[in-house]
N, C-alpha and C. Protein backbone atom coordinates (compact mmCIF):
# COMPACT_ATOMS: atom_id res chain seq x y z
N MET A 1 65.76 -36.66 -83.77
CA MET A 1 66.58 -36.49 -82.15
C MET A 1 66.17 -35.44 -81.03
N ILE A 2 65.97 -35.78 -80.04
CA ILE A 2 66.28 -34.15 -79.15
C ILE A 2 67.51 -33.72 -79.10
N ASP A 3 67.49 -32.72 -79.10
CA ASP A 3 68.75 -31.92 -78.75
C ASP A 3 69.59 -31.65 -77.23
N TRP A 4 70.35 -32.59 -77.29
CA TRP A 4 71.25 -32.78 -75.44
C TRP A 4 71.10 -31.45 -74.79
N PHE A 5 71.58 -30.57 -75.51
CA PHE A 5 72.30 -29.07 -74.55
C PHE A 5 70.79 -28.72 -73.97
N PRO A 6 69.45 -28.51 -73.94
CA PRO A 6 68.25 -28.35 -72.86
C PRO A 6 68.96 -29.69 -71.62
N ALA A 7 68.66 -30.78 -72.27
CA ALA A 7 68.71 -31.53 -70.88
C ALA A 7 70.05 -31.41 -70.26
N ALA A 8 71.15 -31.29 -70.67
CA ALA A 8 72.38 -30.80 -69.87
C ALA A 8 72.26 -29.63 -69.28
N PHE A 9 71.71 -28.94 -69.85
CA PHE A 9 71.78 -27.51 -69.07
C PHE A 9 70.76 -27.34 -67.61
N ALA A 10 69.60 -28.20 -67.74
CA ALA A 10 68.47 -28.63 -67.03
C ALA A 10 69.40 -29.22 -65.89
N ASN A 11 69.60 -30.39 -66.02
CA ASN A 11 70.41 -31.30 -65.53
C ASN A 11 71.15 -30.48 -64.31
N GLY A 12 72.22 -29.68 -65.07
CA GLY A 12 73.54 -29.10 -64.39
C GLY A 12 72.86 -28.00 -63.25
N ILE A 13 71.84 -27.26 -63.70
CA ILE A 13 70.99 -26.26 -63.06
C ILE A 13 70.58 -26.74 -61.85
N VAL A 14 69.73 -28.03 -61.83
CA VAL A 14 69.57 -29.21 -60.50
C VAL A 14 70.72 -29.42 -59.94
N THR A 15 71.89 -29.85 -60.58
CA THR A 15 72.93 -30.43 -59.69
C THR A 15 73.31 -29.08 -58.57
N VAL A 16 73.65 -27.82 -59.57
CA VAL A 16 74.18 -27.09 -58.64
C VAL A 16 73.14 -26.47 -57.68
N ALA A 17 72.20 -26.41 -57.84
CA ALA A 17 70.68 -26.22 -56.87
C ALA A 17 70.99 -26.55 -55.70
N TYR A 18 70.65 -28.23 -56.08
CA TYR A 18 70.89 -29.13 -54.91
C TYR A 18 71.78 -29.64 -54.07
N LEU A 19 72.96 -29.63 -54.94
CA LEU A 19 74.54 -29.62 -54.35
C LEU A 19 74.42 -28.41 -53.02
N SER A 20 74.16 -27.02 -53.73
CA SER A 20 73.98 -25.74 -52.74
C SER A 20 73.14 -26.00 -51.73
N ILE A 21 72.12 -26.73 -51.88
CA ILE A 21 70.97 -26.85 -50.71
C ILE A 21 71.11 -27.76 -49.83
N SER A 22 72.32 -29.11 -49.93
CA SER A 22 72.72 -30.00 -49.82
C SER A 22 73.86 -29.50 -48.58
N ILE A 23 74.53 -28.79 -48.96
CA ILE A 23 76.02 -28.14 -48.18
C ILE A 23 75.22 -27.19 -47.26
N HIS A 24 74.30 -26.53 -47.53
CA HIS A 24 73.72 -25.80 -46.64
C HIS A 24 73.24 -26.48 -45.37
N ILE A 25 72.37 -26.97 -45.61
CA ILE A 25 71.83 -27.72 -44.71
C ILE A 25 72.11 -28.48 -44.03
N LEU A 26 73.62 -29.74 -44.41
CA LEU A 26 74.63 -30.22 -43.84
C LEU A 26 75.54 -29.39 -42.94
N ARG A 27 75.84 -28.23 -43.36
CA ARG A 27 76.71 -27.29 -42.55
C ARG A 27 75.52 -26.57 -41.59
N GLY A 28 75.01 -26.36 -41.41
CA GLY A 28 74.13 -26.12 -40.50
C GLY A 28 74.03 -27.09 -39.28
N VAL A 29 73.74 -28.40 -39.52
CA VAL A 29 73.68 -29.86 -38.68
C VAL A 29 75.30 -29.70 -37.89
N HIS A 30 76.31 -29.82 -39.04
CA HIS A 30 77.72 -29.99 -38.24
C HIS A 30 78.05 -28.93 -37.39
N ALA A 31 77.46 -27.51 -37.64
CA ALA A 31 77.54 -26.24 -37.24
C ALA A 31 77.03 -26.70 -35.26
N GLY A 32 75.85 -26.86 -35.94
CA GLY A 32 75.02 -26.80 -34.51
C GLY A 32 75.33 -28.22 -34.05
N ARG A 33 76.14 -29.02 -34.19
CA ARG A 33 76.50 -30.75 -33.78
C ARG A 33 75.55 -31.47 -33.38
N SER A 34 74.30 -31.24 -33.98
CA SER A 34 73.26 -32.18 -34.26
C SER A 34 73.39 -33.36 -35.25
N TRP A 35 74.19 -33.96 -35.52
CA TRP A 35 74.01 -34.93 -36.45
C TRP A 35 73.06 -36.43 -35.60
N ARG A 36 73.40 -36.55 -34.44
CA ARG A 36 72.36 -37.34 -34.04
C ARG A 36 70.95 -36.82 -33.63
N THR A 37 71.41 -35.68 -33.08
CA THR A 37 69.72 -35.66 -32.46
C THR A 37 68.88 -34.62 -33.49
N ASN A 38 69.27 -34.42 -34.64
CA ASN A 38 68.73 -34.03 -35.61
C ASN A 38 68.66 -34.67 -37.25
N PRO A 39 68.56 -36.14 -37.20
CA PRO A 39 67.96 -37.14 -37.99
C PRO A 39 67.12 -36.72 -39.09
N LEU A 40 65.99 -35.99 -39.16
CA LEU A 40 65.46 -35.18 -40.19
C LEU A 40 66.18 -34.25 -41.09
N ALA A 41 67.05 -33.42 -40.27
CA ALA A 41 68.13 -32.56 -41.04
C ALA A 41 69.30 -33.59 -41.66
N VAL A 42 69.64 -34.10 -41.41
CA VAL A 42 70.75 -35.23 -42.08
C VAL A 42 70.19 -35.99 -42.90
N ALA A 43 68.96 -36.47 -43.04
CA ALA A 43 68.15 -37.06 -44.04
C ALA A 43 68.06 -36.48 -45.27
N THR A 44 67.73 -35.35 -45.05
CA THR A 44 67.10 -34.23 -45.93
C THR A 44 68.19 -33.85 -46.69
N GLY A 45 69.21 -33.26 -45.74
CA GLY A 45 70.71 -32.92 -46.24
C GLY A 45 71.15 -34.33 -47.36
N LEU A 46 71.42 -35.71 -47.09
CA LEU A 46 71.62 -36.12 -47.95
C LEU A 46 70.68 -36.72 -48.99
N ILE A 47 69.54 -36.79 -48.74
CA ILE A 47 68.37 -36.85 -50.12
C ILE A 47 68.96 -35.72 -50.74
N PHE A 48 69.07 -34.35 -50.82
CA PHE A 48 69.67 -33.79 -51.77
C PHE A 48 71.07 -33.39 -52.33
N LEU A 49 72.18 -34.18 -51.02
CA LEU A 49 73.54 -34.33 -52.07
C LEU A 49 72.70 -35.79 -52.89
N SER A 50 72.36 -36.81 -52.44
CA SER A 50 72.56 -37.75 -53.45
C SER A 50 71.67 -37.41 -54.84
N CYS A 51 70.78 -36.63 -54.67
CA CYS A 51 69.68 -36.40 -56.09
C CYS A 51 71.24 -35.29 -56.89
N ALA A 52 71.33 -34.47 -56.20
CA ALA A 52 72.61 -33.58 -57.31
C ALA A 52 73.67 -34.43 -57.76
N ALA A 53 73.78 -35.91 -56.82
CA ALA A 53 74.69 -36.97 -57.21
C ALA A 53 74.39 -37.38 -58.51
N GLY A 54 72.66 -37.60 -58.61
CA GLY A 54 72.22 -38.66 -60.01
C GLY A 54 72.03 -37.26 -60.96
N HIS A 55 71.77 -36.19 -60.90
CA HIS A 55 71.39 -35.17 -61.37
C HIS A 55 73.32 -34.84 -62.65
N ALA A 56 74.24 -34.84 -61.56
CA ALA A 56 75.50 -34.66 -61.99
C ALA A 56 76.11 -36.02 -63.01
N GLY A 57 75.57 -36.84 -62.89
CA GLY A 57 75.75 -38.66 -63.66
C GLY A 57 75.11 -38.10 -65.03
N HIS A 58 73.83 -37.47 -65.08
CA HIS A 58 72.80 -36.79 -66.10
C HIS A 58 73.83 -36.18 -66.86
N VAL A 59 73.96 -35.01 -66.16
CA VAL A 59 75.05 -33.99 -67.03
C VAL A 59 76.21 -34.81 -67.77
N GLY A 60 77.28 -35.76 -67.09
CA GLY A 60 78.37 -36.20 -67.10
C GLY A 60 77.74 -37.39 -68.35
N HIS A 61 77.00 -37.64 -68.92
CA HIS A 61 76.89 -38.59 -69.55
C HIS A 61 76.18 -37.77 -71.26
N LEU A 62 75.45 -36.68 -70.60
CA LEU A 62 75.07 -36.15 -71.55
C LEU A 62 76.21 -35.27 -72.12
N LEU A 63 77.51 -34.72 -71.72
CA LEU A 63 78.65 -34.27 -72.37
C LEU A 63 79.34 -35.44 -73.04
N ASP A 64 79.56 -36.19 -72.21
CA ASP A 64 80.50 -37.70 -72.97
C ASP A 64 79.98 -37.70 -74.41
N PRO A 65 80.46 -37.27 -75.55
CA PRO A 65 79.95 -37.67 -77.00
C PRO A 65 79.55 -39.40 -77.01
N GLY A 66 80.82 -40.08 -76.20
CA GLY A 66 80.76 -41.83 -76.31
C GLY A 66 79.18 -42.10 -75.53
N THR A 67 78.57 -41.42 -74.61
CA THR A 67 77.42 -41.88 -74.02
C THR A 67 76.33 -41.12 -74.16
N ARG A 68 76.57 -39.85 -75.03
CA ARG A 68 75.63 -39.13 -75.68
C ARG A 68 74.59 -39.67 -75.78
N ALA A 69 74.58 -40.28 -77.48
CA ALA A 69 73.40 -41.23 -77.62
C ALA A 69 72.61 -41.93 -76.68
N ALA A 70 73.15 -43.27 -76.06
CA ALA A 70 72.52 -43.91 -75.49
C ALA A 70 71.70 -42.94 -74.32
N SER A 71 72.23 -42.21 -73.70
CA SER A 71 71.57 -40.80 -73.03
C SER A 71 70.33 -40.80 -73.52
N LEU A 72 70.59 -39.71 -74.42
CA LEU A 72 69.20 -39.32 -75.49
C LEU A 72 68.50 -40.39 -75.41
N GLN A 73 68.72 -41.24 -75.92
CA GLN A 73 67.72 -42.80 -75.78
C GLN A 73 66.50 -42.58 -74.82
N VAL A 74 66.64 -42.54 -73.98
CA VAL A 74 65.81 -42.40 -73.00
C VAL A 74 64.94 -40.78 -72.78
N TYR A 75 65.50 -39.49 -72.96
CA TYR A 75 65.35 -39.18 -72.83
C TYR A 75 64.13 -38.18 -74.00
N ASP A 76 63.76 -37.88 -73.69
CA ASP A 76 62.36 -37.37 -74.70
C ASP A 76 62.00 -35.90 -73.81
N LEU A 77 61.03 -34.90 -74.89
CA LEU A 77 60.64 -33.93 -74.56
C LEU A 77 60.07 -33.71 -73.13
N HIS A 78 59.17 -35.14 -72.09
CA HIS A 78 58.70 -35.01 -71.34
C HIS A 78 59.67 -35.18 -70.36
N LEU A 79 60.94 -35.60 -70.34
CA LEU A 79 61.75 -35.71 -69.35
C LEU A 79 62.80 -34.44 -69.27
N ILE A 80 62.70 -33.72 -70.15
CA ILE A 80 63.79 -32.57 -70.69
C ILE A 80 62.47 -31.48 -70.03
N VAL A 81 61.25 -31.05 -70.05
CA VAL A 81 60.29 -30.45 -69.40
C VAL A 81 60.61 -30.90 -67.88
N ILE A 82 60.38 -32.26 -67.33
CA ILE A 82 60.66 -32.24 -65.97
C ILE A 82 61.80 -31.92 -65.49
N ASP A 83 62.77 -31.84 -65.96
CA ASP A 83 63.89 -31.53 -65.62
C ASP A 83 63.86 -29.76 -66.04
N GLY A 84 63.25 -29.40 -66.48
CA GLY A 84 63.50 -27.87 -66.83
C GLY A 84 62.72 -27.44 -65.26
N VAL A 85 61.01 -28.03 -65.24
CA VAL A 85 60.58 -27.44 -64.30
C VAL A 85 61.23 -27.49 -63.10
N THR A 86 62.22 -28.94 -62.73
CA THR A 86 62.58 -29.05 -61.49
C THR A 86 63.63 -27.73 -61.03
N ALA A 87 64.03 -27.66 -62.07
CA ALA A 87 65.39 -26.21 -62.49
C ALA A 87 64.79 -25.42 -61.33
N VAL A 88 63.53 -24.99 -62.37
CA VAL A 88 62.99 -23.96 -61.62
C VAL A 88 62.45 -23.98 -59.96
N ILE A 89 62.07 -24.71 -59.84
CA ILE A 89 61.80 -25.04 -58.31
C ILE A 89 62.75 -24.78 -57.75
N ALA A 90 64.20 -25.79 -57.55
CA ALA A 90 65.35 -25.70 -57.13
C ALA A 90 65.83 -24.22 -56.56
N VAL A 91 65.94 -23.78 -57.94
CA VAL A 91 66.14 -22.03 -57.84
C VAL A 91 65.47 -20.96 -57.31
N ARG A 92 64.40 -21.09 -57.48
CA ARG A 92 62.87 -20.74 -56.86
C ARG A 92 63.16 -20.96 -54.96
N TYR A 93 63.40 -22.36 -54.71
CA TYR A 93 63.93 -22.41 -53.25
C TYR A 93 64.90 -21.58 -52.84
N TRP A 94 65.97 -21.86 -53.87
CA TRP A 94 66.94 -20.99 -53.41
C TRP A 94 66.35 -19.66 -52.71
N LEU A 95 66.01 -18.94 -53.75
CA LEU A 95 65.75 -17.37 -53.83
C LEU A 95 64.77 -16.94 -52.95
N LEU A 96 63.95 -18.00 -52.20
CA LEU A 96 62.49 -17.59 -51.26
C LEU A 96 63.26 -18.11 -50.03
N ARG A 97 64.38 -18.75 -49.91
CA ARG A 97 65.39 -18.39 -48.30
C ARG A 97 66.20 -17.21 -47.76
N SER A 98 66.13 -16.19 -48.80
CA SER A 98 66.18 -15.08 -47.94
C SER A 98 64.87 -14.22 -47.94
N ARG A 99 63.60 -14.78 -48.13
CA ARG A 99 62.35 -13.92 -47.44
C ARG A 99 62.19 -14.83 -45.88
N PHE A 100 62.32 -15.95 -45.74
CA PHE A 100 62.08 -16.78 -44.68
C PHE A 100 63.82 -16.90 -43.82
N PRO A 101 63.89 -15.98 -42.80
CA PRO A 101 65.64 -15.71 -42.33
C PRO A 101 65.58 -16.77 -41.04
N ALA A 102 64.07 -16.52 -40.06
CA ALA A 102 64.15 -17.32 -39.04
C ALA A 102 64.03 -18.71 -39.53
N LEU A 103 63.57 -19.29 -40.34
CA LEU A 103 63.34 -20.38 -40.62
C LEU A 103 64.65 -21.20 -41.41
N VAL A 104 65.34 -21.01 -41.89
CA VAL A 104 66.64 -21.55 -42.87
C VAL A 104 67.77 -21.01 -42.16
N ARG A 105 67.54 -20.16 -40.80
CA ARG A 105 69.24 -19.85 -40.66
C ARG A 105 69.85 -21.54 -40.08
N GLY A 106 70.72 -22.00 -40.73
CA GLY A 106 71.27 -22.99 -40.47
C GLY A 106 70.86 -24.15 -40.27
N ALA A 107 70.39 -25.49 -39.60
CA ALA A 107 69.71 -26.19 -40.05
C ALA A 107 68.40 -25.91 -39.42
N ALA A 108 68.00 -24.80 -39.17
CA ALA A 108 66.56 -24.20 -38.48
C ALA A 108 65.57 -24.63 -39.15
N VAL A 109 65.78 -24.96 -40.53
CA VAL A 109 64.01 -25.25 -41.06
C VAL A 109 63.86 -27.17 -40.43
N PHE A 110 64.81 -27.31 -40.11
CA PHE A 110 64.38 -28.88 -39.51
C PHE A 110 64.68 -28.77 -37.84
N GLU A 111 64.40 -27.49 -37.40
CA GLU A 111 64.71 -27.41 -35.75
C GLU A 111 64.02 -28.40 -34.86
N ASP A 112 65.65 -28.43 -33.91
CA ASP A 112 65.50 -29.77 -33.41
C ASP A 112 64.62 -28.98 -31.73
N LEU A 113 63.81 -29.90 -31.22
CA LEU A 113 63.24 -29.44 -30.18
C LEU A 113 64.08 -28.49 -28.84
N THR A 114 65.10 -28.86 -29.39
CA THR A 114 66.01 -27.69 -27.88
C THR A 114 65.87 -26.71 -28.37
N THR A 115 66.20 -26.12 -29.00
CA THR A 115 66.24 -24.54 -30.21
C THR A 115 64.76 -24.23 -29.21
N ARG A 116 63.84 -25.14 -30.22
CA ARG A 116 62.44 -24.36 -29.82
C ARG A 116 61.87 -24.01 -28.43
N ARG A 117 62.64 -25.14 -27.50
CA ARG A 117 61.87 -24.81 -25.81
C ARG A 117 62.72 -23.57 -25.16
N ARG A 118 63.98 -23.49 -25.86
CA ARG A 118 64.88 -22.43 -25.38
C ARG A 118 63.69 -21.05 -25.70
N GLU A 119 63.43 -21.20 -26.76
CA GLU A 119 62.55 -19.78 -27.72
C GLU A 119 61.58 -20.19 -26.86
N ALA A 120 60.33 -20.99 -26.78
CA ALA A 120 59.53 -20.72 -26.01
C ALA A 120 60.07 -19.78 -24.21
N LEU A 121 60.79 -20.82 -23.55
CA LEU A 121 61.03 -20.56 -22.59
C LEU A 121 61.71 -18.94 -22.48
N ASP A 122 62.31 -18.31 -23.34
CA ASP A 122 62.81 -17.07 -23.43
C ASP A 122 61.44 -16.06 -23.80
N LEU A 123 60.23 -16.54 -24.49
CA LEU A 123 59.07 -16.27 -24.05
C LEU A 123 58.40 -15.84 -23.13
N HIS A 124 58.22 -16.89 -22.37
CA HIS A 124 57.75 -17.51 -21.34
C HIS A 124 58.36 -16.00 -20.15
N ASP A 125 59.74 -16.07 -20.05
CA ASP A 125 60.18 -15.10 -19.27
C ASP A 125 60.31 -13.61 -19.43
N GLN A 126 60.23 -13.51 -20.38
CA GLN A 126 60.21 -12.47 -20.31
C GLN A 126 59.38 -11.64 -21.23
N VAL A 127 58.28 -12.58 -21.36
CA VAL A 127 56.35 -11.55 -21.88
C VAL A 127 55.69 -12.10 -21.04
N VAL A 128 55.32 -13.26 -20.80
CA VAL A 128 54.50 -13.96 -20.20
C VAL A 128 54.62 -13.44 -18.88
N GLN A 129 55.86 -13.36 -17.92
CA GLN A 129 56.14 -13.34 -16.76
C GLN A 129 56.03 -11.65 -16.69
N GLN A 130 56.08 -10.84 -17.57
CA GLN A 130 56.11 -9.36 -17.41
C GLN A 130 54.23 -9.16 -17.88
N LEU A 131 53.71 -10.32 -18.32
CA LEU A 131 52.05 -9.44 -18.30
C LEU A 131 51.59 -10.15 -16.84
N ALA A 132 51.96 -11.22 -16.33
CA ALA A 132 51.75 -11.54 -14.85
C ALA A 132 51.52 -10.59 -13.60
N THR A 133 52.90 -10.03 -13.79
CA THR A 133 53.38 -9.14 -13.11
C THR A 133 52.10 -8.00 -13.44
N ALA A 134 52.74 -7.22 -14.65
CA ALA A 134 51.36 -6.10 -14.42
C ALA A 134 49.98 -6.60 -14.65
N LYS A 135 49.40 -7.59 -14.10
CA LYS A 135 48.10 -8.07 -14.19
C LYS A 135 47.95 -7.63 -12.30
N LEU A 136 48.58 -8.37 -11.44
CA LEU A 136 48.63 -8.47 -10.38
C LEU A 136 48.70 -6.90 -10.02
N ALA A 137 49.94 -6.17 -10.36
CA ALA A 137 49.75 -4.91 -10.20
C ALA A 137 48.98 -4.13 -10.04
N LEU A 138 48.14 -3.82 -11.47
CA LEU A 138 46.80 -3.18 -11.54
C LEU A 138 45.56 -3.57 -10.37
N GLU A 139 45.61 -4.88 -10.26
CA GLU A 139 44.52 -5.44 -9.06
C GLU A 139 44.94 -5.06 -7.99
N LEU A 140 46.14 -5.16 -7.63
CA LEU A 140 46.36 -4.19 -6.62
C LEU A 140 46.42 -2.52 -6.46
N GLY A 141 46.08 -1.84 -7.48
CA GLY A 141 46.21 -0.62 -7.68
C GLY A 141 47.41 0.47 -7.76
N GLU A 142 48.31 -0.73 -7.83
CA GLU A 142 49.93 -0.41 -8.26
C GLU A 142 49.76 0.23 -9.80
N HIS A 143 49.49 1.54 -10.24
CA HIS A 143 49.23 1.44 -11.77
C HIS A 143 50.48 1.83 -12.23
N ASP A 144 51.49 2.43 -11.66
CA ASP A 144 52.97 2.96 -12.05
C ASP A 144 53.67 1.44 -12.79
N ARG A 145 53.43 0.75 -11.37
CA ARG A 145 54.39 -0.63 -11.47
C ARG A 145 53.77 -1.75 -12.87
N GLY A 146 52.42 -1.42 -12.70
CA GLY A 146 51.74 -2.19 -13.76
C GLY A 146 52.26 -1.62 -15.48
N MET A 147 52.59 -0.47 -15.35
CA MET A 147 51.91 0.20 -16.74
C MET A 147 53.98 -0.09 -17.11
N ALA A 148 55.17 0.03 -16.20
CA ALA A 148 56.05 -0.47 -16.53
C ALA A 148 56.29 -2.26 -16.51
N ALA A 149 55.41 -2.74 -16.24
CA ALA A 149 55.98 -4.30 -16.65
C ALA A 149 54.98 -4.50 -17.93
N LEU A 150 54.05 -3.88 -18.37
CA LEU A 150 53.10 -3.45 -19.41
C LEU A 150 54.64 -3.34 -20.85
N ASP A 151 55.61 -2.02 -20.28
CA ASP A 151 56.28 -1.62 -20.97
C ASP A 151 57.23 -2.38 -21.24
N ALA A 152 57.84 -3.02 -20.20
CA ALA A 152 58.85 -3.71 -20.37
C ALA A 152 58.30 -5.54 -21.13
N SER A 153 56.93 -5.89 -21.30
CA SER A 153 56.93 -7.04 -21.87
C SER A 153 56.57 -6.44 -23.39
N LEU A 154 55.79 -5.35 -24.03
CA LEU A 154 55.78 -4.69 -25.08
C LEU A 154 57.44 -4.89 -25.59
N THR A 155 58.33 -4.35 -25.06
CA THR A 155 59.65 -4.39 -25.78
C THR A 155 60.41 -5.54 -25.61
N ALA A 156 60.04 -6.62 -24.89
CA ALA A 156 60.07 -7.75 -24.86
C ALA A 156 59.82 -8.33 -26.17
N SER A 157 58.54 -8.67 -26.46
CA SER A 157 57.71 -9.28 -27.45
C SER A 157 58.76 -8.52 -28.45
N ARG A 158 58.90 -7.52 -28.48
CA ARG A 158 59.56 -6.82 -29.90
C ARG A 158 60.92 -7.22 -30.42
N ARG A 159 61.20 -7.10 -29.51
CA ARG A 159 62.68 -8.19 -29.37
C ARG A 159 62.83 -9.27 -29.96
N ILE A 160 61.88 -10.29 -29.17
CA ILE A 160 61.74 -11.59 -29.41
C ILE A 160 61.00 -11.51 -30.94
N VAL A 161 60.17 -11.19 -31.60
CA VAL A 161 60.09 -11.06 -32.76
C VAL A 161 60.73 -10.30 -33.86
N SER A 162 61.59 -9.68 -33.64
CA SER A 162 62.44 -9.13 -34.57
C SER A 162 63.75 -9.91 -34.57
N ASP A 163 64.10 -11.20 -33.37
CA ASP A 163 64.55 -12.14 -33.32
C ASP A 163 64.32 -13.06 -34.65
N LEU A 164 63.22 -13.55 -34.45
CA LEU A 164 62.41 -14.83 -34.95
C LEU A 164 62.29 -14.29 -36.50
N VAL A 165 61.88 -13.32 -37.09
CA VAL A 165 61.59 -12.92 -38.06
C VAL A 165 63.36 -12.63 -38.71
N GLY A 166 64.43 -11.96 -38.01
CA GLY A 166 65.61 -11.82 -38.69
C GLY A 166 65.84 -10.73 -39.38
N ASP A 167 65.21 -10.20 -40.07
CA ASP A 167 65.82 -8.98 -40.71
C ASP A 167 65.29 -7.95 -40.03
N GLU A 168 66.38 -7.06 -39.93
CA GLU A 168 66.54 -5.54 -38.87
C GLU A 168 65.41 -4.67 -39.45
N GLN A 169 65.71 -4.61 -40.78
CA GLN A 169 64.78 -3.56 -41.33
C GLN A 169 63.52 -4.02 -41.89
N ALA A 170 63.20 -5.50 -41.82
CA ALA A 170 61.78 -5.58 -42.34
C ALA A 170 60.83 -5.63 -40.98
N SER A 171 61.89 -6.04 -39.88
CA SER A 171 61.51 -6.20 -38.77
C SER A 171 60.44 -4.81 -38.09
N GLU A 172 61.26 -4.15 -38.26
CA GLU A 172 60.83 -2.51 -37.90
C GLU A 172 59.60 -2.01 -38.51
N ALA A 173 59.85 -2.37 -39.89
CA ALA A 173 58.56 -2.04 -41.07
C ALA A 173 57.06 -3.05 -40.11
N THR A 174 57.33 -3.94 -40.06
CA THR A 174 56.24 -5.10 -39.31
C THR A 174 55.95 -5.02 -38.01
N LEU A 175 56.66 -4.30 -37.27
CA LEU A 175 56.48 -4.31 -35.82
C LEU A 175 56.06 -2.82 -35.35
N ARG A 176 55.82 -2.01 -36.83
CA ARG A 176 54.96 -0.96 -36.75
C ARG A 176 53.08 -1.48 -36.07
N PRO A 177 52.53 -0.53 -35.63
CA PRO A 177 51.24 -1.05 -34.96
C PRO A 177 50.42 -1.34 -36.14
N GLY A 178 49.58 -2.71 -36.19
CA GLY A 178 48.96 -3.04 -37.48
C GLY A 178 50.20 -4.08 -38.61
N GLY A 179 51.40 -3.97 -38.24
CA GLY A 179 52.38 -4.45 -39.10
C GLY A 179 52.43 -6.08 -39.12
N LEU A 180 51.63 -6.98 -38.06
CA LEU A 180 51.45 -7.99 -38.09
C LEU A 180 50.20 -8.64 -38.17
N ARG A 181 49.27 -7.94 -38.84
CA ARG A 181 47.98 -7.85 -38.52
C ARG A 181 48.04 -9.52 -39.40
N ARG A 182 46.52 -10.38 -39.09
CA ARG A 182 46.80 -11.52 -39.78
C ARG A 182 45.56 -11.28 -41.14
N THR A 183 45.80 -12.00 -41.79
CA THR A 183 44.86 -11.87 -42.99
C THR A 183 43.44 -12.61 -43.39
N LEU A 184 43.59 -13.54 -41.43
CA LEU A 184 42.29 -14.04 -41.47
C LEU A 184 42.19 -13.76 -40.22
N PRO A 185 40.80 -13.99 -39.36
CA PRO A 185 40.48 -13.91 -37.99
C PRO A 185 41.03 -14.54 -37.21
């Protein structure tokens, strides 16, 4: 018969990871007051919550000596391996979140169109318009005005990318010349 402890341990890790992911997503939805405007985030948060509840039920059955034997009849090595792999993936997901701050702030992983539109308009207003001004100034022979507009555009670009990247120290490192170089042309 399969030992109950590895199954309970793996399901416990999955429960905690899924519950924390669910809470994080639903807090972001609540903070952004986007329960109606961001149904994908709401559904994803609720999926993680229901999965956490299901795995918590497995833990409960495995910890209760009265239901342990019946639970172990459906558990075999394959299910323990699957639960173990699921636990590793859930923990890995949670640890990766710190590497992608722009994607995971609040419920931003399911960012609604309002936020994306605001960021696009910010980029247009602070970068594209400055580039257009610089082009026009250079075409009119106003070298100083054109260079000033280019400098303003570069400064705004760096700030916007830093805001999107999130971590100030990582941003400073990546915003050096060549720091944002793509691996593919």
